[in-house]
Amino acid sequence: MTDTGTKPAVAIGADHAGYPLKAALAEALVAMGHPVLDMGTDGAASVDYPDFAHAVCRAVAGGRARFGVLVCGTGIGMSIAANRHAAIRCALAHDATGARLGRAHNDANVLALGARMTGVEPALDALRAFLATPYEGGRHDRRLAKLSPALEPVR
């Protein structure tokens, strides 16, 4: 496969608490040249975070997006919902270091952020680190293999 310079698609979703941060992250993704699949929500009305986590994870698992980004108040609920999907490894991060290590050591394909825990600039730094970091493989392969059989797909 030849690299054409095209940036990978990113699916993004949030609940009502994460909506403002999601909007800033989506704008940054577009500015970086990534196609964005916005899976909602689109405002401050109360919604259930699992609905948006599942939509993003289905887009990633189904190949419509290479990566996913989820935002709720703390990032905890989104990361729990995302990690119910067998093809997803969601890393909850509060800064660029956590996001980088989630990719490098865990081959995370979804990043969860907490809008009430992380400001816009640290979240943008985390997003950039997540997208720029390759999986290291090696000793981490053995560990990831131990996770895969334990997860059941979410329907």
N, C-alpha and C. Protein backbone atom coordinates (compact mmCIF):
# COMPACT_ATOMS: atom_id res chain seq x y z
N MET A 1 0.84 -1.18 0.00
CA MET A 1 0.00 0.00 0.00
C MET A 1 0.89 1.24 0.00
N THR A 2 0.67 2.12 -0.89
CA THR A 2 1.46 3.33 -1.02
C THR A 2 0.84 4.45 -0.21
N ASP A 3 1.68 5.20 0.52
CA ASP A 3 1.20 6.33 1.29
C ASP A 3 0.94 7.48 0.33
N THR A 4 -0.32 7.90 0.27
CA THR A 4 -0.70 9.00 -0.62
C THR A 4 -0.69 10.34 0.10
N GLY A 5 -0.30 10.32 1.38
CA GLY A 5 -0.32 11.56 2.14
C GLY A 5 -1.66 11.85 2.77
N THR A 6 -2.63 10.99 2.53
CA THR A 6 -3.96 11.19 3.10
C THR A 6 -3.93 10.86 4.58
N LYS A 7 -4.50 11.73 5.37
CA LYS A 7 -4.56 11.50 6.81
C LYS A 7 -5.74 10.57 7.10
N PRO A 8 -5.61 9.74 8.14
CA PRO A 8 -6.68 8.81 8.45
C PRO A 8 -7.93 9.51 8.99
N ALA A 9 -9.07 8.90 8.71
CA ALA A 9 -10.33 9.42 9.22
C ALA A 9 -10.42 9.19 10.72
N VAL A 10 -11.07 10.12 11.40
CA VAL A 10 -11.27 10.04 12.84
C VAL A 10 -12.76 10.21 13.13
N ALA A 11 -13.33 9.24 13.86
CA ALA A 11 -14.71 9.35 14.32
C ALA A 11 -14.68 10.02 15.69
N ILE A 12 -15.60 10.94 15.92
CA ILE A 12 -15.60 11.68 17.18
C ILE A 12 -17.02 11.73 17.73
N GLY A 13 -17.12 11.60 19.04
CA GLY A 13 -18.43 11.66 19.68
C GLY A 13 -18.32 12.15 21.10
N ALA A 14 -19.42 12.70 21.59
CA ALA A 14 -19.44 13.23 22.95
C ALA A 14 -20.86 13.22 23.49
N ASP A 15 -20.96 13.29 24.80
CA ASP A 15 -22.26 13.55 25.41
C ASP A 15 -22.39 15.06 25.63
N HIS A 16 -23.44 15.47 26.32
CA HIS A 16 -23.69 16.89 26.53
C HIS A 16 -22.56 17.59 27.29
N ALA A 17 -21.94 16.90 28.25
CA ALA A 17 -20.84 17.51 29.01
C ALA A 17 -19.60 17.69 28.14
N GLY A 18 -19.41 16.81 27.18
CA GLY A 18 -18.23 16.87 26.34
C GLY A 18 -18.40 17.63 25.04
N TYR A 19 -19.63 18.05 24.76
CA TYR A 19 -19.90 18.68 23.46
C TYR A 19 -19.00 19.87 23.15
N PRO A 20 -18.81 20.85 24.05
CA PRO A 20 -17.95 21.99 23.68
C PRO A 20 -16.51 21.57 23.35
N LEU A 21 -15.95 20.66 24.12
CA LEU A 21 -14.59 20.20 23.83
C LEU A 21 -14.56 19.41 22.53
N LYS A 22 -15.58 18.59 22.29
CA LYS A 22 -15.65 17.83 21.04
C LYS A 22 -15.61 18.77 19.85
N ALA A 23 -16.33 19.88 19.93
CA ALA A 23 -16.36 20.84 18.82
C ALA A 23 -14.96 21.40 18.55
N ALA A 24 -14.22 21.71 19.61
CA ALA A 24 -12.85 22.24 19.44
C ALA A 24 -11.93 21.17 18.85
N LEU A 25 -12.08 19.93 19.30
CA LEU A 25 -11.24 18.85 18.78
C LEU A 25 -11.56 18.56 17.32
N ALA A 26 -12.84 18.56 16.97
CA ALA A 26 -13.23 18.32 15.58
C ALA A 26 -12.67 19.41 14.66
N GLU A 27 -12.73 20.65 15.11
CA GLU A 27 -12.18 21.76 14.33
C GLU A 27 -10.68 21.58 14.12
N ALA A 28 -9.99 21.15 15.17
CA ALA A 28 -8.54 20.92 15.07
C ALA A 28 -8.24 19.76 14.12
N LEU A 29 -9.03 18.72 14.18
CA LEU A 29 -8.82 17.58 13.27
C LEU A 29 -8.95 18.00 11.82
N VAL A 30 -9.96 18.79 11.52
CA VAL A 30 -10.15 19.29 10.15
C VAL A 30 -8.96 20.14 9.74
N ALA A 31 -8.49 21.00 10.64
CA ALA A 31 -7.33 21.85 10.34
C ALA A 31 -6.07 21.02 10.09
N MET A 32 -5.98 19.85 10.75
CA MET A 32 -4.83 18.96 10.55
C MET A 32 -4.98 18.11 9.28
N GLY A 33 -6.13 18.19 8.63
CA GLY A 33 -6.33 17.45 7.39
C GLY A 33 -6.97 16.08 7.55
N HIS A 34 -7.52 15.79 8.72
CA HIS A 34 -8.18 14.50 8.94
C HIS A 34 -9.65 14.58 8.55
N PRO A 35 -10.14 13.63 7.77
CA PRO A 35 -11.59 13.53 7.59
C PRO A 35 -12.22 13.20 8.95
N VAL A 36 -13.32 13.86 9.28
CA VAL A 36 -13.96 13.68 10.58
C VAL A 36 -15.36 13.13 10.39
N LEU A 37 -15.64 12.06 11.12
CA LEU A 37 -16.99 11.51 11.19
C LEU A 37 -17.56 11.95 12.54
N ASP A 38 -18.44 12.92 12.53
CA ASP A 38 -19.02 13.43 13.77
C ASP A 38 -20.24 12.60 14.11
N MET A 39 -20.14 11.83 15.20
CA MET A 39 -21.20 10.91 15.60
C MET A 39 -22.13 11.53 16.65
N GLY A 40 -21.99 12.83 16.89
CA GLY A 40 -22.86 13.53 17.83
C GLY A 40 -22.27 13.53 19.23
N THR A 41 -22.92 14.13 20.10
CA THR A 41 -24.12 14.91 20.12
C THR A 41 -23.83 16.32 19.60
N ASP A 42 -24.90 17.06 19.40
CA ASP A 42 -24.75 18.37 18.76
C ASP A 42 -25.21 19.53 19.63
N GLY A 43 -25.21 19.32 20.95
CA GLY A 43 -25.64 20.41 21.82
C GLY A 43 -25.58 20.03 23.28
N ALA A 44 -26.15 20.89 24.11
CA ALA A 44 -26.05 20.73 25.56
C ALA A 44 -27.21 19.96 26.18
N ALA A 45 -28.17 19.50 25.37
CA ALA A 45 -29.29 18.73 25.92
C ALA A 45 -28.78 17.39 26.45
N SER A 46 -29.28 16.98 27.59
CA SER A 46 -28.84 15.74 28.24
C SER A 46 -29.05 14.53 27.34
N VAL A 47 -28.00 13.73 27.19
CA VAL A 47 -28.04 12.51 26.38
C VAL A 47 -27.27 11.41 27.13
N ASP A 48 -27.35 10.20 26.63
CA ASP A 48 -26.68 9.06 27.25
C ASP A 48 -25.37 8.77 26.53
N TYR A 49 -24.26 8.89 27.24
CA TYR A 49 -22.93 8.74 26.64
C TYR A 49 -22.71 7.41 25.94
N PRO A 50 -23.26 6.26 26.41
CA PRO A 50 -22.97 5.01 25.70
C PRO A 50 -23.41 5.03 24.23
N ASP A 51 -24.48 5.75 23.93
CA ASP A 51 -24.96 5.79 22.54
C ASP A 51 -23.88 6.35 21.61
N PHE A 52 -23.18 7.35 22.06
CA PHE A 52 -22.16 8.00 21.23
C PHE A 52 -20.86 7.21 21.23
N ALA A 53 -20.54 6.59 22.36
CA ALA A 53 -19.36 5.72 22.41
C ALA A 53 -19.53 4.55 21.45
N HIS A 54 -20.70 3.93 21.48
CA HIS A 54 -20.93 2.79 20.59
C HIS A 54 -20.88 3.20 19.12
N ALA A 55 -21.44 4.36 18.79
CA ALA A 55 -21.41 4.82 17.39
C ALA A 55 -19.98 5.03 16.90
N VAL A 56 -19.15 5.67 17.72
CA VAL A 56 -17.75 5.90 17.35
C VAL A 56 -17.03 4.56 17.22
N CYS A 57 -17.22 3.67 18.17
CA CYS A 57 -16.51 2.39 18.15
C CYS A 57 -16.94 1.53 16.97
N ARG A 58 -18.19 1.58 16.60
CA ARG A 58 -18.64 0.83 15.41
C ARG A 58 -17.99 1.39 14.15
N ALA A 59 -17.80 2.71 14.09
CA ALA A 59 -17.14 3.31 12.93
C ALA A 59 -15.68 2.86 12.85
N VAL A 60 -15.02 2.79 13.99
CA VAL A 60 -13.61 2.35 14.01
C VAL A 60 -13.52 0.86 13.71
N ALA A 61 -14.31 0.05 14.40
CA ALA A 61 -14.27 -1.40 14.21
C ALA A 61 -14.68 -1.79 12.79
N GLY A 62 -15.58 -1.02 12.20
CA GLY A 62 -16.05 -1.30 10.85
C GLY A 62 -15.16 -0.75 9.75
N GLY A 63 -14.10 -0.03 10.11
CA GLY A 63 -13.17 0.48 9.12
C GLY A 63 -13.53 1.82 8.50
N ARG A 64 -14.60 2.44 8.95
CA ARG A 64 -14.95 3.76 8.41
C ARG A 64 -14.01 4.84 8.93
N ALA A 65 -13.40 4.59 10.09
CA ALA A 65 -12.44 5.53 10.68
C ALA A 65 -11.27 4.72 11.22
N ARG A 66 -10.08 5.28 11.18
CA ARG A 66 -8.90 4.61 11.73
C ARG A 66 -8.82 4.79 13.24
N PHE A 67 -9.24 5.97 13.71
CA PHE A 67 -9.19 6.30 15.12
C PHE A 67 -10.53 6.87 15.57
N GLY A 68 -10.74 6.85 16.88
CA GLY A 68 -11.91 7.47 17.48
C GLY A 68 -11.50 8.37 18.62
N VAL A 69 -12.32 9.37 18.87
CA VAL A 69 -12.13 10.28 20.00
C VAL A 69 -13.48 10.42 20.69
N LEU A 70 -13.49 10.21 22.01
CA LEU A 70 -14.70 10.30 22.81
C LEU A 70 -14.52 11.30 23.93
N VAL A 71 -15.56 12.09 24.21
CA VAL A 71 -15.48 13.08 25.27
C VAL A 71 -16.76 13.06 26.09
N CYS A 72 -16.60 12.94 27.39
CA CYS A 72 -17.70 13.13 28.33
C CYS A 72 -17.16 13.97 29.48
N GLY A 73 -17.87 14.06 30.57
CA GLY A 73 -17.41 14.90 31.68
C GLY A 73 -16.06 14.49 32.21
N THR A 74 -15.88 13.20 32.50
CA THR A 74 -14.62 12.72 33.05
C THR A 74 -13.82 11.86 32.07
N GLY A 75 -14.47 11.35 31.05
CA GLY A 75 -13.85 10.40 30.13
C GLY A 75 -14.00 8.97 30.60
N ILE A 76 -14.37 8.78 31.85
CA ILE A 76 -14.46 7.43 32.41
C ILE A 76 -15.59 6.63 31.78
N GLY A 77 -16.79 7.20 31.75
CA GLY A 77 -17.92 6.48 31.17
C GLY A 77 -17.69 6.12 29.72
N MET A 78 -17.18 7.06 28.95
CA MET A 78 -16.90 6.80 27.54
C MET A 78 -15.87 5.69 27.39
N SER A 79 -14.82 5.69 28.20
CA SER A 79 -13.79 4.66 28.06
C SER A 79 -14.33 3.29 28.45
N ILE A 80 -15.18 3.23 29.46
CA ILE A 80 -15.78 1.94 29.84
C ILE A 80 -16.65 1.42 28.71
N ALA A 81 -17.50 2.28 28.17
CA ALA A 81 -18.38 1.86 27.07
C ALA A 81 -17.57 1.43 25.85
N ALA A 82 -16.55 2.18 25.52
CA ALA A 82 -15.74 1.85 24.34
C ALA A 82 -15.03 0.52 24.49
N ASN A 83 -14.50 0.26 25.66
CA ASN A 83 -13.74 -0.97 25.86
C ASN A 83 -14.60 -2.22 25.97
N ARG A 84 -15.90 -2.08 25.83
CA ARG A 84 -16.80 -3.24 25.72
C ARG A 84 -16.74 -3.84 24.31
N HIS A 85 -16.18 -3.12 23.37
CA HIS A 85 -16.09 -3.57 21.97
C HIS A 85 -14.78 -4.35 21.79
N ALA A 86 -14.88 -5.54 21.23
CA ALA A 86 -13.71 -6.41 21.09
C ALA A 86 -12.60 -5.80 20.24
N ALA A 87 -12.94 -5.02 19.25
CA ALA A 87 -11.92 -4.46 18.34
C ALA A 87 -11.37 -3.13 18.82
N ILE A 88 -11.79 -2.68 19.98
CA ILE A 88 -11.41 -1.35 20.46
C ILE A 88 -10.49 -1.45 21.67
N ARG A 89 -9.48 -0.62 21.64
CA ARG A 89 -8.62 -0.40 22.80
C ARG A 89 -8.66 1.11 23.06
N CYS A 90 -9.45 1.49 24.03
CA CYS A 90 -9.65 2.90 24.34
C CYS A 90 -8.77 3.31 25.51
N ALA A 91 -8.00 4.37 25.31
CA ALA A 91 -7.14 4.91 26.35
C ALA A 91 -7.76 6.19 26.90
N LEU A 92 -7.99 6.22 28.19
CA LEU A 92 -8.42 7.44 28.87
C LEU A 92 -7.15 8.23 29.20
N ALA A 93 -7.09 9.45 28.73
CA ALA A 93 -5.90 10.27 28.96
C ALA A 93 -6.29 11.66 29.43
N HIS A 94 -5.43 12.25 30.23
CA HIS A 94 -5.63 13.61 30.72
C HIS A 94 -4.58 14.57 30.18
N ASP A 95 -3.61 14.01 29.44
CA ASP A 95 -2.54 14.84 28.92
C ASP A 95 -1.86 14.12 27.75
N ALA A 96 -0.89 14.79 27.15
CA ALA A 96 -0.20 14.23 25.98
C ALA A 96 0.59 12.98 26.33
N THR A 97 1.15 12.91 27.51
CA THR A 97 1.93 11.73 27.89
C THR A 97 1.05 10.49 27.95
N GLY A 98 -0.10 10.59 28.59
CA GLY A 98 -1.01 9.46 28.65
C GLY A 98 -1.49 9.04 27.26
N ALA A 99 -1.79 10.01 26.42
CA ALA A 99 -2.24 9.71 25.06
C ALA A 99 -1.13 9.03 24.24
N ARG A 100 0.08 9.54 24.38
CA ARG A 100 1.22 8.96 23.65
C ARG A 100 1.48 7.52 24.11
N LEU A 101 1.47 7.29 25.41
CA LEU A 101 1.73 5.95 25.91
C LEU A 101 0.57 4.99 25.60
N GLY A 102 -0.64 5.50 25.54
CA GLY A 102 -1.77 4.67 25.14
C GLY A 102 -1.60 4.12 23.73
N ARG A 103 -1.06 4.93 22.85
CA ARG A 103 -0.78 4.47 21.48
C ARG A 103 0.45 3.57 21.46
N ALA A 104 1.54 4.03 22.05
CA ALA A 104 2.82 3.34 21.95
C ALA A 104 2.79 1.97 22.61
N HIS A 105 2.18 1.87 23.77
CA HIS A 105 2.22 0.62 24.53
C HIS A 105 0.98 -0.23 24.40
N ASN A 106 -0.17 0.39 24.15
CA ASN A 106 -1.43 -0.34 24.13
C ASN A 106 -2.09 -0.41 22.77
N ASP A 107 -1.47 0.18 21.77
CA ASP A 107 -2.05 0.24 20.42
C ASP A 107 -3.49 0.74 20.47
N ALA A 108 -3.75 1.73 21.32
CA ALA A 108 -5.09 2.28 21.46
C ALA A 108 -5.55 2.85 20.12
N ASN A 109 -6.80 2.57 19.79
CA ASN A 109 -7.37 3.14 18.57
C ASN A 109 -8.47 4.14 18.86
N VAL A 110 -8.78 4.32 20.14
CA VAL A 110 -9.74 5.33 20.57
C VAL A 110 -9.15 6.07 21.77
N LEU A 111 -9.32 7.38 21.77
CA LEU A 111 -8.86 8.24 22.85
C LEU A 111 -10.09 8.79 23.57
N ALA A 112 -10.15 8.64 24.89
CA ALA A 112 -11.21 9.23 25.70
C ALA A 112 -10.64 10.38 26.51
N LEU A 113 -11.38 11.46 26.54
CA LEU A 113 -10.98 12.66 27.26
C LEU A 113 -12.13 13.13 28.14
N GLY A 114 -11.81 13.73 29.26
CA GLY A 114 -12.81 14.30 30.16
C GLY A 114 -12.82 15.81 30.07
N ALA A 115 -13.94 16.35 29.62
CA ALA A 115 -14.04 17.80 29.45
C ALA A 115 -13.95 18.55 30.77
N ARG A 116 -14.37 17.91 31.86
CA ARG A 116 -14.30 18.56 33.18
C ARG A 116 -12.96 18.32 33.85
N MET A 117 -12.12 17.51 33.23
CA MET A 117 -10.83 17.14 33.82
C MET A 117 -9.65 17.75 33.08
N THR A 118 -9.84 18.04 31.81
CA THR A 118 -8.75 18.46 30.93
C THR A 118 -9.18 19.70 30.16
N GLY A 119 -8.37 20.73 30.18
CA GLY A 119 -8.68 21.94 29.44
C GLY A 119 -8.50 21.75 27.95
N VAL A 120 -8.91 22.74 27.18
CA VAL A 120 -8.86 22.65 25.72
C VAL A 120 -7.43 22.45 25.22
N GLU A 121 -6.49 23.24 25.68
CA GLU A 121 -5.11 23.12 25.17
C GLU A 121 -4.48 21.78 25.53
N PRO A 122 -4.57 21.31 26.78
CA PRO A 122 -4.03 19.97 27.06
C PRO A 122 -4.74 18.87 26.26
N ALA A 123 -6.04 19.03 26.02
CA ALA A 123 -6.77 18.04 25.21
C ALA A 123 -6.28 18.05 23.77
N LEU A 124 -6.03 19.22 23.23
CA LEU A 124 -5.49 19.31 21.87
C LEU A 124 -4.09 18.71 21.80
N ASP A 125 -3.28 18.95 22.82
CA ASP A 125 -1.95 18.34 22.87
C ASP A 125 -2.06 16.82 22.93
N ALA A 126 -3.00 16.32 23.72
CA ALA A 126 -3.21 14.87 23.83
C ALA A 126 -3.65 14.29 22.49
N LEU A 127 -4.55 14.98 21.81
CA LEU A 127 -5.02 14.53 20.50
C LEU A 127 -3.86 14.45 19.51
N ARG A 128 -3.06 15.49 19.45
CA ARG A 128 -1.92 15.50 18.52
C ARG A 128 -0.93 14.38 18.84
N ALA A 129 -0.66 14.17 20.13
CA ALA A 129 0.26 13.10 20.53
C ALA A 129 -0.31 11.74 20.16
N PHE A 130 -1.58 11.55 20.40
CA PHE A 130 -2.25 10.28 20.09
C PHE A 130 -2.12 9.96 18.60
N LEU A 131 -2.42 10.93 17.76
CA LEU A 131 -2.40 10.71 16.31
C LEU A 131 -0.99 10.56 15.75
N ALA A 132 -0.01 11.16 16.40
CA ALA A 132 1.36 11.15 15.89
C ALA A 132 2.18 9.94 16.35
N THR A 133 1.68 9.20 17.32
CA THR A 133 2.47 8.14 17.93
C THR A 133 2.15 6.78 17.33
N PRO A 134 3.15 6.08 16.85
CA PRO A 134 2.92 4.71 16.36
C PRO A 134 2.97 3.71 17.51
N TYR A 135 2.36 2.58 17.30
CA TYR A 135 2.43 1.47 18.25
C TYR A 135 3.84 0.90 18.20
N GLU A 136 4.45 0.63 19.37
CA GLU A 136 5.82 0.13 19.44
C GLU A 136 5.93 -1.36 19.16
N GLY A 137 4.90 -2.12 19.42
CA GLY A 137 4.97 -3.57 19.22
C GLY A 137 5.92 -4.21 20.21
N GLY A 138 6.66 -5.24 19.76
CA GLY A 138 7.63 -5.90 20.62
C GLY A 138 7.00 -6.51 21.86
N ARG A 139 7.54 -6.16 23.02
CA ARG A 139 7.07 -6.75 24.27
C ARG A 139 5.58 -6.48 24.52
N HIS A 140 5.05 -5.44 23.91
CA HIS A 140 3.64 -5.09 24.12
C HIS A 140 2.70 -6.04 23.39
N ASP A 141 3.17 -6.68 22.33
CA ASP A 141 2.32 -7.63 21.58
C ASP A 141 1.82 -8.75 22.48
N ARG A 142 2.70 -9.29 23.31
CA ARG A 142 2.33 -10.39 24.19
C ARG A 142 1.22 -9.95 25.15
N ARG A 143 1.33 -8.76 25.65
CA ARG A 143 0.35 -8.25 26.61
C ARG A 143 -1.00 -7.99 25.94
N LEU A 144 -0.96 -7.44 24.76
CA LEU A 144 -2.22 -7.18 24.05
C LEU A 144 -2.93 -8.48 23.69
N ALA A 145 -2.16 -9.49 23.35
CA ALA A 145 -2.75 -10.80 23.01
C ALA A 145 -3.53 -11.36 24.19
N LYS A 146 -3.13 -11.04 25.40
CA LYS A 146 -3.83 -11.53 26.58
C LYS A 146 -5.14 -10.81 26.83
N LEU A 147 -5.34 -9.67 26.22
CA LEU A 147 -6.59 -8.92 26.36
C LEU A 147 -7.67 -9.38 25.38
N SER A 148 -7.28 -9.70 24.19
CA SER A 148 -8.25 -9.94 23.12
C SER A 148 -9.27 -11.03 23.40
N PRO A 149 -8.90 -12.20 23.90
CA PRO A 149 -9.90 -13.25 24.09
C PRO A 149 -10.92 -12.92 25.19
N ALA A 150 -10.58 -12.04 26.10
CA ALA A 150 -11.46 -11.76 27.23
C ALA A 150 -12.61 -10.82 26.89
N LEU A 151 -12.54 -10.10 25.80
CA LEU A 151 -13.56 -9.12 25.47
C LEU A 151 -14.65 -9.70 24.59
N GLU A 152 -15.86 -9.36 24.88
CA GLU A 152 -17.01 -9.78 24.08
C GLU A 152 -17.52 -8.57 23.29
N PRO A 153 -17.96 -8.78 22.08
CA PRO A 153 -18.46 -7.64 21.29
C PRO A 153 -19.77 -7.09 21.85
N VAL A 154 -19.96 -5.80 21.70
CA VAL A 154 -21.21 -5.15 22.07
C VAL A 154 -22.10 -5.12 20.84
N ARG A 155 -23.33 -5.48 21.00
CA ARG A 155 -24.27 -5.49 19.88
C ARG A 155 -25.13 -4.27 19.86
